[in-house]
Amino acid sequence: MISERVKRNIYNVNHCNSYFWRTMQQQEVDYIEEKDGHLYAYEFKWNVSKKVKLTRTFSDNYPNSSFVVVNVENYLEFVG
């Protein structure tokens, strides 16, 4: 998913920085893009019924970030 997103960004000349985030306590965010000073956090879960939320540590440290769960229903929007 990430490699397809990177290719999409390059093809569409969407300049952004890409990151992975993990704490010492193993809390993580699968993929982050930073563009124009804003963070976009993405979590990948194929199962639509799986409950997912952004870790409190991340949301406390980056309160103005956006969060999206990428799953079987919306992955084409993420890579397209």
N, C-alpha and C. Protein backbone atom coordinates (compact mmCIF):
# COMPACT_ATOMS: atom_id res chain seq x y z
N MET A 1 0.82 -1.17 0.00
CA MET A 1 0.00 0.00 0.00
C MET A 1 0.88 1.25 0.00
N ILE A 2 1.89 1.23 0.83
CA ILE A 2 2.74 2.42 0.94
C ILE A 2 3.51 2.67 -0.35
N SER A 3 4.04 1.61 -0.95
CA SER A 3 4.79 1.82 -2.20
C SER A 3 3.87 2.34 -3.31
N GLU A 4 2.63 1.86 -3.35
CA GLU A 4 1.68 2.38 -4.34
C GLU A 4 1.34 3.84 -4.06
N ARG A 5 1.24 4.19 -2.80
CA ARG A 5 0.96 5.59 -2.44
C ARG A 5 2.13 6.49 -2.83
N VAL A 6 3.34 6.03 -2.59
CA VAL A 6 4.52 6.81 -2.95
C VAL A 6 4.56 7.01 -4.47
N LYS A 7 4.29 5.95 -5.22
CA LYS A 7 4.26 6.08 -6.69
C LYS A 7 3.19 7.07 -7.12
N ARG A 8 2.02 7.01 -6.49
CA ARG A 8 0.94 7.94 -6.79
C ARG A 8 1.37 9.38 -6.54
N ASN A 9 2.01 9.60 -5.40
CA ASN A 9 2.47 10.96 -5.05
C ASN A 9 3.49 11.48 -6.06
N ILE A 10 4.40 10.62 -6.48
CA ILE A 10 5.41 11.03 -7.46
C ILE A 10 4.75 11.34 -8.80
N TYR A 11 3.87 10.45 -9.24
CA TYR A 11 3.20 10.62 -10.53
C TYR A 11 2.37 11.90 -10.56
N ASN A 12 1.69 12.22 -9.46
CA ASN A 12 0.84 13.40 -9.38
C ASN A 12 1.57 14.65 -8.90
N VAL A 13 2.90 14.56 -8.77
CA VAL A 13 3.74 15.66 -8.29
C VAL A 13 3.18 16.21 -6.98
N ASN A 14 2.84 15.30 -6.09
CA ASN A 14 2.34 15.63 -4.76
C ASN A 14 3.52 15.55 -3.79
N HIS A 15 4.16 16.68 -3.56
CA HIS A 15 5.36 16.71 -2.72
C HIS A 15 4.97 16.63 -1.24
N CYS A 16 5.42 15.56 -0.59
CA CYS A 16 5.17 15.40 0.84
C CYS A 16 6.28 14.54 1.43
N ASN A 17 6.43 14.64 2.73
CA ASN A 17 7.38 13.80 3.45
C ASN A 17 6.63 12.61 4.00
N SER A 18 7.26 11.44 3.97
CA SER A 18 6.64 10.20 4.44
C SER A 18 7.35 9.71 5.69
N TYR A 19 6.55 9.22 6.66
CA TYR A 19 7.11 8.77 7.93
C TYR A 19 6.39 7.53 8.44
N PHE A 20 7.05 6.85 9.34
CA PHE A 20 6.48 5.78 10.14
C PHE A 20 6.67 6.21 11.58
N TRP A 21 5.73 5.94 12.47
CA TRP A 21 5.81 6.43 13.85
C TRP A 21 5.60 5.28 14.82
N ARG A 22 6.50 5.15 15.80
CA ARG A 22 6.39 4.12 16.84
C ARG A 22 7.02 4.63 18.13
N THR A 23 6.38 4.32 19.25
CA THR A 23 6.92 4.70 20.55
C THR A 23 7.71 3.53 21.14
N MET A 24 8.38 3.78 22.24
CA MET A 24 9.11 2.73 22.95
C MET A 24 8.13 1.69 23.51
N GLN A 25 6.87 2.08 23.69
CA GLN A 25 5.84 1.16 24.20
C GLN A 25 5.16 0.40 23.06
N GLN A 26 5.70 0.52 21.85
CA GLN A 26 5.22 -0.18 20.65
C GLN A 26 3.89 0.34 20.11
N GLN A 27 3.49 1.54 20.51
CA GLN A 27 2.34 2.17 19.86
C GLN A 27 2.84 2.66 18.50
N GLU A 28 1.99 2.52 17.48
CA GLU A 28 2.47 2.89 16.15
C GLU A 28 1.37 3.44 15.27
N VAL A 29 1.80 4.16 14.28
CA VAL A 29 0.96 4.61 13.18
C VAL A 29 1.63 4.05 11.93
N ASP A 30 0.85 3.37 11.07
CA ASP A 30 1.43 2.66 9.93
C ASP A 30 2.12 3.58 8.93
N TYR A 31 1.52 4.72 8.65
CA TYR A 31 2.08 5.60 7.61
C TYR A 31 1.63 7.03 7.89
N ILE A 32 2.55 7.97 7.71
CA ILE A 32 2.24 9.38 7.92
C ILE A 32 2.79 10.17 6.74
N GLU A 33 2.00 11.12 6.27
CA GLU A 33 2.46 12.07 5.27
C GLU A 33 2.39 13.46 5.89
N GLU A 34 3.42 14.23 5.64
CA GLU A 34 3.45 15.63 6.10
C GLU A 34 3.49 16.50 4.86
N LYS A 35 2.51 17.39 4.77
CA LYS A 35 2.45 18.30 3.63
C LYS A 35 1.97 19.65 4.12
N ASP A 36 2.71 20.69 3.77
CA ASP A 36 2.35 22.06 4.14
C ASP A 36 2.12 22.21 5.64
N GLY A 37 2.92 21.52 6.43
CA GLY A 37 2.84 21.65 7.89
C GLY A 37 1.72 20.85 8.54
N HIS A 38 1.01 20.03 7.77
CA HIS A 38 -0.08 19.23 8.33
C HIS A 38 0.27 17.76 8.24
N LEU A 39 -0.05 16.99 9.30
CA LEU A 39 0.20 15.55 9.31
C LEU A 39 -1.07 14.79 8.97
N TYR A 40 -0.92 13.80 8.09
CA TYR A 40 -2.00 12.91 7.71
C TYR A 40 -1.58 11.50 8.13
N ALA A 41 -2.23 10.95 9.14
CA ALA A 41 -1.89 9.63 9.66
C ALA A 41 -2.82 8.58 9.05
N TYR A 42 -2.24 7.45 8.67
CA TYR A 42 -2.99 6.36 8.05
C TYR A 42 -2.74 5.06 8.79
N GLU A 43 -3.79 4.33 9.04
CA GLU A 43 -3.70 3.00 9.63
C GLU A 43 -4.31 2.03 8.63
N PHE A 44 -3.63 0.90 8.39
CA PHE A 44 -4.10 -0.08 7.42
C PHE A 44 -4.73 -1.27 8.14
N LYS A 45 -5.99 -1.53 7.85
CA LYS A 45 -6.71 -2.68 8.38
C LYS A 45 -7.62 -3.20 7.28
N TRP A 46 -7.37 -4.40 6.79
CA TRP A 46 -8.16 -4.94 5.70
C TRP A 46 -9.58 -5.24 6.14
N ASN A 47 -9.73 -5.69 7.38
CA ASN A 47 -11.04 -6.04 7.92
C ASN A 47 -11.81 -4.77 8.30
N VAL A 48 -12.91 -4.53 7.62
CA VAL A 48 -13.70 -3.31 7.83
C VAL A 48 -14.30 -3.26 9.23
N SER A 49 -14.64 -4.41 9.79
CA SER A 49 -15.29 -4.43 11.11
C SER A 49 -14.31 -4.26 12.27
N LYS A 50 -13.04 -4.26 11.99
CA LYS A 50 -12.02 -4.08 13.04
C LYS A 50 -12.05 -2.65 13.56
N LYS A 51 -12.23 -2.50 14.88
CA LYS A 51 -12.23 -1.17 15.50
C LYS A 51 -10.81 -0.64 15.56
N VAL A 52 -10.63 0.57 15.05
CA VAL A 52 -9.30 1.18 15.02
C VAL A 52 -9.43 2.63 15.46
N LYS A 53 -8.49 3.06 16.29
CA LYS A 53 -8.44 4.47 16.65
C LYS A 53 -6.99 4.90 16.75
N LEU A 54 -6.77 6.17 16.59
CA LEU A 54 -5.43 6.74 16.69
C LEU A 54 -4.97 6.67 18.13
N THR A 55 -3.70 6.33 18.34
CA THR A 55 -3.20 6.23 19.71
C THR A 55 -3.28 7.59 20.40
N ARG A 56 -3.56 7.56 21.67
CA ARG A 56 -3.67 8.79 22.44
C ARG A 56 -2.34 9.55 22.46
N THR A 57 -1.25 8.83 22.53
CA THR A 57 0.07 9.47 22.54
C THR A 57 0.28 10.30 21.28
N PHE A 58 -0.07 9.72 20.14
CA PHE A 58 0.08 10.45 18.88
C PHE A 58 -0.86 11.65 18.84
N SER A 59 -2.12 11.43 19.15
CA SER A 59 -3.10 12.52 19.06
C SER A 59 -2.81 13.63 20.07
N ASP A 60 -2.25 13.30 21.23
CA ASP A 60 -1.87 14.33 22.20
C ASP A 60 -0.70 15.16 21.70
N ASN A 61 0.24 14.51 21.02
CA ASN A 61 1.43 15.21 20.53
C ASN A 61 1.21 15.94 19.21
N TYR A 62 0.24 15.47 18.44
CA TYR A 62 -0.05 16.07 17.14
C TYR A 62 -1.57 16.29 17.03
N PRO A 63 -2.11 17.22 17.81
CA PRO A 63 -3.57 17.37 17.91
C PRO A 63 -4.26 17.83 16.63
N ASN A 64 -3.56 18.45 15.74
CA ASN A 64 -4.19 18.95 14.51
C ASN A 64 -4.01 18.01 13.32
N SER A 65 -3.56 16.79 13.58
CA SER A 65 -3.36 15.85 12.49
C SER A 65 -4.68 15.23 12.05
N SER A 66 -4.68 14.71 10.84
CA SER A 66 -5.84 13.99 10.30
C SER A 66 -5.56 12.50 10.42
N PHE A 67 -6.62 11.71 10.56
CA PHE A 67 -6.48 10.26 10.71
C PHE A 67 -7.47 9.55 9.81
N VAL A 68 -6.96 8.58 9.03
CA VAL A 68 -7.80 7.79 8.14
C VAL A 68 -7.43 6.32 8.29
N VAL A 69 -8.44 5.46 8.37
CA VAL A 69 -8.23 4.02 8.33
C VAL A 69 -8.41 3.58 6.89
N VAL A 70 -7.39 2.94 6.35
CA VAL A 70 -7.44 2.44 4.98
C VAL A 70 -7.81 0.97 5.05
N ASN A 71 -8.88 0.58 4.33
CA ASN A 71 -9.33 -0.80 4.37
C ASN A 71 -9.80 -1.23 2.98
N VAL A 72 -10.41 -2.40 2.92
CA VAL A 72 -10.83 -2.97 1.65
C VAL A 72 -11.84 -2.07 0.92
N GLU A 73 -12.57 -1.27 1.64
CA GLU A 73 -13.57 -0.41 1.03
C GLU A 73 -13.02 0.90 0.45
N ASN A 74 -11.88 1.37 0.95
CA ASN A 74 -11.39 2.68 0.50
C ASN A 74 -9.94 2.69 0.03
N TYR A 75 -9.32 1.53 -0.10
CA TYR A 75 -7.91 1.52 -0.47
C TYR A 75 -7.64 2.10 -1.86
N LEU A 76 -8.60 1.99 -2.76
CA LEU A 76 -8.38 2.54 -4.10
C LEU A 76 -8.29 4.06 -4.07
N GLU A 77 -9.00 4.70 -3.17
CA GLU A 77 -8.87 6.15 -2.98
C GLU A 77 -7.48 6.51 -2.47
N PHE A 78 -6.94 5.65 -1.60
CA PHE A 78 -5.61 5.89 -1.02
C PHE A 78 -4.51 5.78 -2.06
N VAL A 79 -4.62 4.80 -2.95
CA VAL A 79 -3.55 4.59 -3.94
C VAL A 79 -3.86 5.21 -5.29
N GLY A 80 -5.06 5.74 -5.47
CA GLY A 80 -5.48 6.22 -6.78
C GLY A 80 -5.33 7.63 -7.02
